Amino acid sequence: MIFDPVDDAFSLAELPIVAGRLAEIWVKETVERPLVVGLSGGMGAGKTTLVRGIVAHLQSLPEVTSPTFDLIHVHEGPRCTVVHIDLYRLSRDEVGALDLDYYLQTPGVLMIIEWPERATDIVLDIIVTLTRLENENRQVRINV
């Protein structure tokens, strides 16, 4: 990886740069099969900011909002399709009703799930945990 997110802290303004680096690594993984990334962290940790940076980097769409109420936003682009899911408002039982099978079987899909602990039936390839530090910086931990 280009940087070591476990040892580095990033300001909220720097998260889009981190997102761009992650996007470049992750988009290569989607060529043969979808890649499913879980984003964990408390409210205000920077989950949506990270997704916004990924989509902006891959598709030049800076206006990415959280799908808290819509649940799913699909951003189709030339390099891959980013499926951004926010499970904050759903129970574990309600997640199954989303019918994500199409995306989970389609190459060229980068599925990013906020609040992945509610998606117990979905196998995550990567878990990214964002932690808000006392100085307002963010720590980004990546578990593969």
N, C-alpha and C. Protein backbone atom coordinates (compact mmCIF):
# COMPACT_ATOMS: atom_id res chain seq x y z
N MET A 1 0.85 -1.17 0.00
CA MET A 1 0.00 0.00 0.00
C MET A 1 0.90 1.24 0.00
N ILE A 2 0.39 2.32 -0.52
CA ILE A 2 1.17 3.54 -0.69
C ILE A 2 1.45 4.23 0.64
N PHE A 3 0.60 4.04 1.63
CA PHE A 3 0.76 4.66 2.93
C PHE A 3 0.36 3.64 3.98
N ASP A 4 0.73 3.92 5.20
CA ASP A 4 0.36 3.02 6.29
C ASP A 4 -0.71 3.70 7.13
N PRO A 5 -1.98 3.44 6.85
CA PRO A 5 -3.03 4.17 7.55
C PRO A 5 -3.10 3.88 9.05
N VAL A 6 -2.56 2.75 9.48
CA VAL A 6 -2.61 2.45 10.91
C VAL A 6 -1.70 3.37 11.69
N ASP A 7 -0.60 3.77 11.11
CA ASP A 7 0.35 4.63 11.81
C ASP A 7 0.14 6.11 11.52
N ASP A 8 -0.66 6.44 10.53
CA ASP A 8 -0.85 7.83 10.13
C ASP A 8 -2.22 8.33 10.56
N ALA A 9 -2.28 9.59 10.93
CA ALA A 9 -3.56 10.24 11.21
C ALA A 9 -3.79 11.26 10.11
N PHE A 10 -5.04 11.42 9.73
CA PHE A 10 -5.40 12.31 8.63
C PHE A 10 -6.46 13.28 9.09
N SER A 11 -6.36 14.51 8.60
CA SER A 11 -7.43 15.47 8.87
C SER A 11 -8.62 15.11 7.98
N LEU A 12 -9.77 15.64 8.31
CA LEU A 12 -10.95 15.40 7.50
C LEU A 12 -10.72 15.89 6.07
N ALA A 13 -9.98 16.98 5.92
CA ALA A 13 -9.67 17.52 4.60
C ALA A 13 -8.75 16.60 3.81
N GLU A 14 -7.96 15.79 4.51
CA GLU A 14 -7.04 14.87 3.83
C GLU A 14 -7.70 13.54 3.44
N LEU A 15 -8.86 13.24 4.00
CA LEU A 15 -9.51 11.96 3.69
C LEU A 15 -9.75 11.73 2.21
N PRO A 16 -10.10 12.75 1.42
CA PRO A 16 -10.25 12.50 -0.03
C PRO A 16 -8.97 12.02 -0.70
N ILE A 17 -7.82 12.46 -0.20
CA ILE A 17 -6.54 11.99 -0.76
C ILE A 17 -6.36 10.51 -0.42
N VAL A 18 -6.65 10.16 0.84
CA VAL A 18 -6.60 8.76 1.26
C VAL A 18 -7.57 7.95 0.41
N ALA A 19 -8.76 8.49 0.20
CA ALA A 19 -9.79 7.80 -0.59
C ALA A 19 -9.31 7.54 -2.02
N GLY A 20 -8.65 8.51 -2.61
CA GLY A 20 -8.13 8.33 -3.97
C GLY A 20 -7.11 7.22 -4.05
N ARG A 21 -6.25 7.14 -3.05
CA ARG A 21 -5.25 6.07 -3.02
C ARG A 21 -5.92 4.70 -2.87
N LEU A 22 -6.90 4.63 -1.98
CA LEU A 22 -7.62 3.37 -1.80
C LEU A 22 -8.41 3.01 -3.05
N ALA A 23 -9.02 3.99 -3.69
CA ALA A 23 -9.80 3.74 -4.90
C ALA A 23 -8.93 3.11 -5.98
N GLU A 24 -7.72 3.61 -6.15
CA GLU A 24 -6.82 3.07 -7.18
C GLU A 24 -6.47 1.61 -6.90
N ILE A 25 -6.29 1.28 -5.65
CA ILE A 25 -5.99 -0.10 -5.28
C ILE A 25 -7.22 -0.97 -5.47
N TRP A 26 -8.35 -0.50 -4.99
CA TRP A 26 -9.57 -1.31 -4.98
C TRP A 26 -10.19 -1.50 -6.36
N VAL A 27 -10.11 -0.50 -7.24
CA VAL A 27 -10.76 -0.61 -8.55
C VAL A 27 -10.14 -1.76 -9.35
N LYS A 28 -8.86 -2.01 -9.16
CA LYS A 28 -8.19 -3.12 -9.85
C LYS A 28 -8.77 -4.47 -9.42
N GLU A 29 -9.24 -4.54 -8.18
CA GLU A 29 -9.80 -5.79 -7.64
C GLU A 29 -11.18 -6.10 -8.23
N THR A 30 -11.87 -5.09 -8.76
CA THR A 30 -13.24 -5.29 -9.23
C THR A 30 -13.33 -5.84 -10.64
N VAL A 31 -12.21 -5.97 -11.34
CA VAL A 31 -12.24 -6.39 -12.74
C VAL A 31 -12.85 -7.78 -12.89
N GLU A 32 -12.47 -8.70 -12.04
CA GLU A 32 -12.95 -10.08 -12.17
C GLU A 32 -14.14 -10.41 -11.29
N ARG A 33 -14.30 -9.67 -10.20
CA ARG A 33 -15.41 -9.94 -9.28
C ARG A 33 -15.68 -8.68 -8.47
N PRO A 34 -16.87 -8.57 -7.90
CA PRO A 34 -17.14 -7.39 -7.08
C PRO A 34 -16.27 -7.39 -5.82
N LEU A 35 -15.98 -6.22 -5.33
CA LEU A 35 -15.23 -6.06 -4.10
C LEU A 35 -16.17 -5.42 -3.08
N VAL A 36 -16.28 -6.02 -1.90
CA VAL A 36 -17.19 -5.53 -0.87
C VAL A 36 -16.37 -5.00 0.29
N VAL A 37 -16.54 -3.71 0.56
CA VAL A 37 -15.79 -3.01 1.61
C VAL A 37 -16.77 -2.54 2.67
N GLY A 38 -16.49 -2.87 3.91
CA GLY A 38 -17.29 -2.38 5.03
C GLY A 38 -16.60 -1.18 5.65
N LEU A 39 -17.37 -0.13 5.93
CA LEU A 39 -16.84 1.07 6.59
C LEU A 39 -17.44 1.16 7.98
N SER A 40 -16.61 1.00 8.99
CA SER A 40 -17.05 1.10 10.38
C SER A 40 -16.54 2.38 11.00
N GLY A 41 -17.26 2.85 11.98
CA GLY A 41 -16.85 4.04 12.71
C GLY A 41 -18.08 4.74 13.24
N GLY A 42 -17.90 5.50 14.27
CA GLY A 42 -19.02 6.21 14.87
C GLY A 42 -19.54 7.33 13.99
N MET A 43 -20.61 7.94 14.46
CA MET A 43 -21.17 9.10 13.75
C MET A 43 -20.09 10.18 13.66
N GLY A 44 -19.95 10.75 12.47
CA GLY A 44 -18.98 11.82 12.28
C GLY A 44 -17.55 11.36 12.13
N ALA A 45 -17.34 10.07 11.97
CA ALA A 45 -15.97 9.55 11.84
C ALA A 45 -15.36 9.83 10.47
N GLY A 46 -16.20 10.09 9.48
CA GLY A 46 -15.68 10.37 8.13
C GLY A 46 -16.01 9.31 7.10
N LYS A 47 -16.95 8.43 7.39
CA LYS A 47 -17.29 7.35 6.45
C LYS A 47 -17.78 7.91 5.12
N THR A 48 -18.75 8.80 5.16
CA THR A 48 -19.29 9.36 3.92
C THR A 48 -18.26 10.22 3.22
N THR A 49 -17.43 10.93 3.97
CA THR A 49 -16.35 11.73 3.36
C THR A 49 -15.40 10.83 2.60
N LEU A 50 -15.09 9.66 3.15
CA LEU A 50 -14.22 8.71 2.45
C LEU A 50 -14.87 8.22 1.17
N VAL A 51 -16.16 7.87 1.22
CA VAL A 51 -16.87 7.41 0.02
C VAL A 51 -16.93 8.53 -1.01
N ARG A 52 -17.21 9.73 -0.56
CA ARG A 52 -17.26 10.88 -1.47
C ARG A 52 -15.93 11.01 -2.22
N GLY A 53 -14.83 10.83 -1.50
CA GLY A 53 -13.51 10.92 -2.13
C GLY A 53 -13.26 9.80 -3.12
N ILE A 54 -13.74 8.59 -2.80
CA ILE A 54 -13.58 7.45 -3.72
C ILE A 54 -14.35 7.70 -5.01
N VAL A 55 -15.60 8.11 -4.87
CA VAL A 55 -16.42 8.35 -6.06
C VAL A 55 -15.87 9.53 -6.87
N ALA A 56 -15.46 10.59 -6.20
CA ALA A 56 -14.89 11.74 -6.91
C ALA A 56 -13.64 11.34 -7.67
N HIS A 57 -12.81 10.51 -7.07
CA HIS A 57 -11.58 10.07 -7.73
C HIS A 57 -11.87 9.20 -8.94
N LEU A 58 -12.79 8.27 -8.80
CA LEU A 58 -13.06 7.32 -9.89
C LEU A 58 -13.98 7.89 -10.97
N GLN A 59 -14.87 8.80 -10.57
CA GLN A 59 -15.90 9.20 -11.52
C GLN A 59 -16.11 10.70 -11.64
N SER A 60 -15.30 11.49 -10.98
CA SER A 60 -15.41 12.95 -11.02
C SER A 60 -16.80 13.44 -10.63
N LEU A 61 -17.36 12.83 -9.60
CA LEU A 61 -18.66 13.24 -9.07
C LEU A 61 -18.47 13.74 -7.64
N PRO A 62 -18.22 15.03 -7.44
CA PRO A 62 -17.96 15.51 -6.09
C PRO A 62 -19.19 15.57 -5.20
N GLU A 63 -20.39 15.56 -5.76
CA GLU A 63 -21.62 15.69 -4.98
C GLU A 63 -22.17 14.32 -4.59
N VAL A 64 -21.51 13.68 -3.68
CA VAL A 64 -21.96 12.39 -3.17
C VAL A 64 -22.54 12.61 -1.79
N THR A 65 -23.77 12.16 -1.58
CA THR A 65 -24.40 12.31 -0.28
C THR A 65 -24.56 10.95 0.37
N SER A 66 -24.81 10.96 1.65
CA SER A 66 -25.01 9.71 2.37
C SER A 66 -26.38 9.14 2.01
N PRO A 67 -26.45 7.84 1.77
CA PRO A 67 -27.74 7.21 1.48
C PRO A 67 -28.48 6.80 2.75
N THR A 68 -28.38 7.60 3.80
CA THR A 68 -29.01 7.27 5.07
C THR A 68 -30.50 7.00 4.91
N PHE A 69 -31.19 7.81 4.13
CA PHE A 69 -32.62 7.64 3.96
C PHE A 69 -32.97 6.80 2.74
N ASP A 70 -32.18 6.92 1.66
CA ASP A 70 -32.42 6.15 0.44
C ASP A 70 -31.87 4.73 0.56
N LEU A 71 -30.95 4.51 1.45
CA LEU A 71 -30.26 3.24 1.72
C LEU A 71 -29.18 2.90 0.71
N ILE A 72 -29.44 3.07 -0.58
CA ILE A 72 -28.47 2.70 -1.61
C ILE A 72 -28.35 3.81 -2.64
N HIS A 73 -27.11 4.21 -2.95
CA HIS A 73 -26.82 5.09 -4.07
C HIS A 73 -25.89 4.33 -5.01
N VAL A 74 -26.21 4.32 -6.29
CA VAL A 74 -25.39 3.65 -7.29
C VAL A 74 -24.76 4.73 -8.17
N HIS A 75 -23.43 4.71 -8.26
CA HIS A 75 -22.67 5.66 -9.07
C HIS A 75 -21.96 4.87 -10.17
N GLU A 76 -22.54 4.90 -11.37
CA GLU A 76 -21.94 4.16 -12.48
C GLU A 76 -20.90 5.03 -13.16
N GLY A 77 -19.77 4.43 -13.44
CA GLY A 77 -18.69 5.18 -14.07
C GLY A 77 -17.92 4.32 -15.04
N PRO A 78 -16.96 4.90 -15.70
CA PRO A 78 -16.20 4.18 -16.72
C PRO A 78 -15.26 3.11 -16.16
N ARG A 79 -14.82 3.26 -14.92
CA ARG A 79 -13.86 2.31 -14.36
C ARG A 79 -14.52 1.24 -13.51
N CYS A 80 -15.62 1.59 -12.85
CA CYS A 80 -16.38 0.62 -12.07
C CYS A 80 -17.68 1.28 -11.61
N THR A 81 -18.55 0.48 -11.06
CA THR A 81 -19.78 0.99 -10.47
C THR A 81 -19.60 0.96 -8.96
N VAL A 82 -19.76 2.13 -8.33
CA VAL A 82 -19.66 2.21 -6.88
C VAL A 82 -21.08 2.14 -6.32
N VAL A 83 -21.32 1.13 -5.49
CA VAL A 83 -22.61 0.97 -4.82
C VAL A 83 -22.39 1.34 -3.36
N HIS A 84 -22.98 2.45 -2.95
CA HIS A 84 -22.79 2.99 -1.60
C HIS A 84 -24.05 2.69 -0.80
N ILE A 85 -23.89 1.94 0.27
CA ILE A 85 -25.03 1.49 1.08
C ILE A 85 -24.83 1.97 2.51
N ASP A 86 -25.89 2.49 3.11
CA ASP A 86 -25.86 2.92 4.50
C ASP A 86 -26.90 2.12 5.26
N LEU A 87 -26.46 1.28 6.17
CA LEU A 87 -27.35 0.39 6.92
C LEU A 87 -27.72 0.93 8.30
N TYR A 88 -27.39 2.19 8.57
CA TYR A 88 -27.59 2.75 9.91
C TYR A 88 -29.02 2.58 10.41
N ARG A 89 -29.99 2.80 9.58
CA ARG A 89 -31.39 2.79 9.99
C ARG A 89 -32.04 1.40 9.92
N LEU A 90 -31.29 0.39 9.51
CA LEU A 90 -31.87 -0.94 9.33
C LEU A 90 -31.47 -1.89 10.45
N SER A 91 -32.36 -2.81 10.75
CA SER A 91 -32.01 -3.90 11.65
C SER A 91 -31.34 -4.99 10.81
N ARG A 92 -30.73 -5.94 11.47
CA ARG A 92 -30.10 -7.05 10.74
C ARG A 92 -31.12 -7.79 9.87
N ASP A 93 -32.34 -7.93 10.36
CA ASP A 93 -33.37 -8.63 9.60
C ASP A 93 -33.78 -7.87 8.34
N GLU A 94 -33.78 -6.54 8.41
CA GLU A 94 -34.20 -5.73 7.27
C GLU A 94 -33.14 -5.69 6.16
N VAL A 95 -31.89 -5.92 6.51
CA VAL A 95 -30.82 -5.88 5.51
C VAL A 95 -31.05 -6.92 4.43
N GLY A 96 -31.54 -8.10 4.79
CA GLY A 96 -31.79 -9.16 3.82
C GLY A 96 -32.81 -8.77 2.77
N ALA A 97 -33.68 -7.85 3.08
CA ALA A 97 -34.72 -7.42 2.14
C ALA A 97 -34.19 -6.47 1.07
N LEU A 98 -32.94 -6.04 1.16
CA LEU A 98 -32.39 -5.11 0.18
C LEU A 98 -32.13 -5.77 -1.17
N ASP A 99 -32.03 -7.07 -1.22
CA ASP A 99 -31.80 -7.81 -2.47
C ASP A 99 -30.55 -7.29 -3.20
N LEU A 100 -29.41 -7.53 -2.60
CA LEU A 100 -28.14 -7.06 -3.14
C LEU A 100 -27.44 -8.10 -4.02
N ASP A 101 -28.10 -9.22 -4.28
CA ASP A 101 -27.47 -10.31 -5.02
C ASP A 101 -26.91 -9.88 -6.37
N TYR A 102 -27.61 -9.05 -7.10
CA TYR A 102 -27.13 -8.61 -8.41
C TYR A 102 -25.75 -7.97 -8.28
N TYR A 103 -25.62 -7.04 -7.34
CA TYR A 103 -24.34 -6.34 -7.15
C TYR A 103 -23.27 -7.28 -6.63
N LEU A 104 -23.65 -8.23 -5.80
CA LEU A 104 -22.69 -9.16 -5.21
C LEU A 104 -22.19 -10.20 -6.20
N GLN A 105 -22.79 -10.25 -7.38
CA GLN A 105 -22.40 -11.22 -8.39
C GLN A 105 -21.86 -10.56 -9.66
N THR A 106 -21.75 -9.25 -9.68
CA THR A 106 -21.40 -8.52 -10.89
C THR A 106 -19.97 -7.98 -10.84
N PRO A 107 -19.10 -8.45 -11.74
CA PRO A 107 -17.76 -7.86 -11.80
C PRO A 107 -17.86 -6.37 -12.13
N GLY A 108 -16.87 -5.62 -11.70
CA GLY A 108 -16.88 -4.19 -11.95
C GLY A 108 -17.63 -3.39 -10.91
N VAL A 109 -18.02 -4.04 -9.80
CA VAL A 109 -18.75 -3.37 -8.73
C VAL A 109 -17.84 -3.22 -7.51
N LEU A 110 -17.78 -2.01 -7.00
CA LEU A 110 -17.14 -1.72 -5.72
C LEU A 110 -18.28 -1.36 -4.78
N MET A 111 -18.63 -2.30 -3.90
CA MET A 111 -19.72 -2.08 -2.95
C MET A 111 -19.13 -1.61 -1.64
N ILE A 112 -19.58 -0.45 -1.18
CA ILE A 112 -19.10 0.11 0.07
C ILE A 112 -20.28 0.21 1.02
N ILE A 113 -20.16 -0.46 2.17
CA ILE A 113 -21.26 -0.56 3.11
C ILE A 113 -20.90 0.16 4.41
N GLU A 114 -21.65 1.22 4.72
CA GLU A 114 -21.52 1.87 6.02
C GLU A 114 -22.33 1.09 7.04
N TRP A 115 -21.81 0.96 8.25
CA TRP A 115 -22.43 0.20 9.33
C TRP A 115 -22.54 -1.29 8.94
N PRO A 116 -21.43 -1.91 8.51
CA PRO A 116 -21.47 -3.29 8.02
C PRO A 116 -21.80 -4.33 9.08
N GLU A 117 -21.69 -3.97 10.36
CA GLU A 117 -22.01 -4.94 11.42
C GLU A 117 -23.48 -5.35 11.36
N ARG A 118 -24.30 -4.62 10.63
CA ARG A 118 -25.71 -4.99 10.47
C ARG A 118 -25.93 -5.92 9.29
N ALA A 119 -24.87 -6.16 8.52
CA ALA A 119 -24.97 -7.01 7.33
C ALA A 119 -24.28 -8.34 7.59
N THR A 120 -24.81 -9.10 8.51
CA THR A 120 -24.14 -10.34 8.93
C THR A 120 -24.12 -11.40 7.84
N ASP A 121 -24.99 -11.30 6.84
CA ASP A 121 -25.03 -12.30 5.77
C ASP A 121 -24.15 -11.94 4.58
N ILE A 122 -23.57 -10.77 4.59
CA ILE A 122 -22.73 -10.32 3.48
C ILE A 122 -21.27 -10.53 3.85
N VAL A 123 -20.54 -11.20 2.98
CA VAL A 123 -19.11 -11.44 3.20
C VAL A 123 -18.34 -10.21 2.76
N LEU A 124 -17.60 -9.64 3.69
CA LEU A 124 -16.80 -8.45 3.39
C LEU A 124 -15.39 -8.87 3.01
N ASP A 125 -14.88 -8.24 1.95
CA ASP A 125 -13.49 -8.49 1.54
C ASP A 125 -12.53 -7.65 2.38
N ILE A 126 -12.95 -6.46 2.72
CA ILE A 126 -12.11 -5.51 3.45
C ILE A 126 -12.99 -4.78 4.46
N ILE A 127 -12.43 -4.53 5.63
CA ILE A 127 -13.12 -3.70 6.62
C ILE A 127 -12.22 -2.50 6.92
N VAL A 128 -12.77 -1.32 6.74
CA VAL A 128 -12.06 -0.09 7.04
C VAL A 128 -12.73 0.52 8.27
N THR A 129 -11.93 0.78 9.29
CA THR A 129 -12.45 1.40 10.50
C THR A 129 -11.88 2.80 10.62
N LEU A 130 -12.77 3.77 10.70
CA LEU A 130 -12.36 5.16 10.88
C LEU A 130 -12.61 5.55 12.33
N THR A 131 -11.60 6.14 12.94
CA THR A 131 -11.70 6.57 14.33
C THR A 131 -11.41 8.05 14.39
N ARG A 132 -12.30 8.77 15.02
CA ARG A 132 -12.11 10.21 15.22
C ARG A 132 -11.22 10.39 16.44
N LEU A 133 -10.09 11.06 16.25
CA LEU A 133 -9.14 11.28 17.32
C LEU A 133 -9.44 12.59 18.05
N GLU A 134 -8.82 12.76 19.20
CA GLU A 134 -9.07 13.95 20.02
C GLU A 134 -8.76 15.25 19.30
N ASN A 135 -7.78 15.24 18.42
CA ASN A 135 -7.39 16.46 17.72
C ASN A 135 -8.16 16.66 16.42
N GLU A 136 -9.27 15.96 16.28
CA GLU A 136 -10.14 16.02 15.10
C GLU A 136 -9.56 15.33 13.87
N ASN A 137 -8.39 14.74 13.98
CA ASN A 137 -7.88 13.92 12.90
C ASN A 137 -8.59 12.58 12.90
N ARG A 138 -8.39 11.83 11.83
CA ARG A 138 -8.99 10.50 11.72
C ARG A 138 -7.89 9.46 11.55
N GLN A 139 -8.07 8.34 12.19
CA GLN A 139 -7.20 7.19 11.97
C GLN A 139 -7.97 6.22 11.10
N VAL A 140 -7.29 5.67 10.10
CA VAL A 140 -7.91 4.74 9.17
C VAL A 140 -7.22 3.40 9.32
N ARG A 141 -7.98 2.39 9.73
CA ARG A 141 -7.43 1.03 9.87
C ARG A 141 -8.07 0.14 8.81
N ILE A 142 -7.23 -0.64 8.16
CA ILE A 142 -7.72 -1.51 7.09
C ILE A 142 -7.42 -2.95 7.47
N ASN A 143 -8.48 -3.78 7.48
CA ASN A 143 -8.34 -5.21 7.75
C ASN A 143 -8.82 -5.97 6.52
N VAL A 144 -7.95 -6.82 6.03
CA VAL A 144 -8.30 -7.61 4.84
C VAL A 144 -8.64 -9.01 5.27
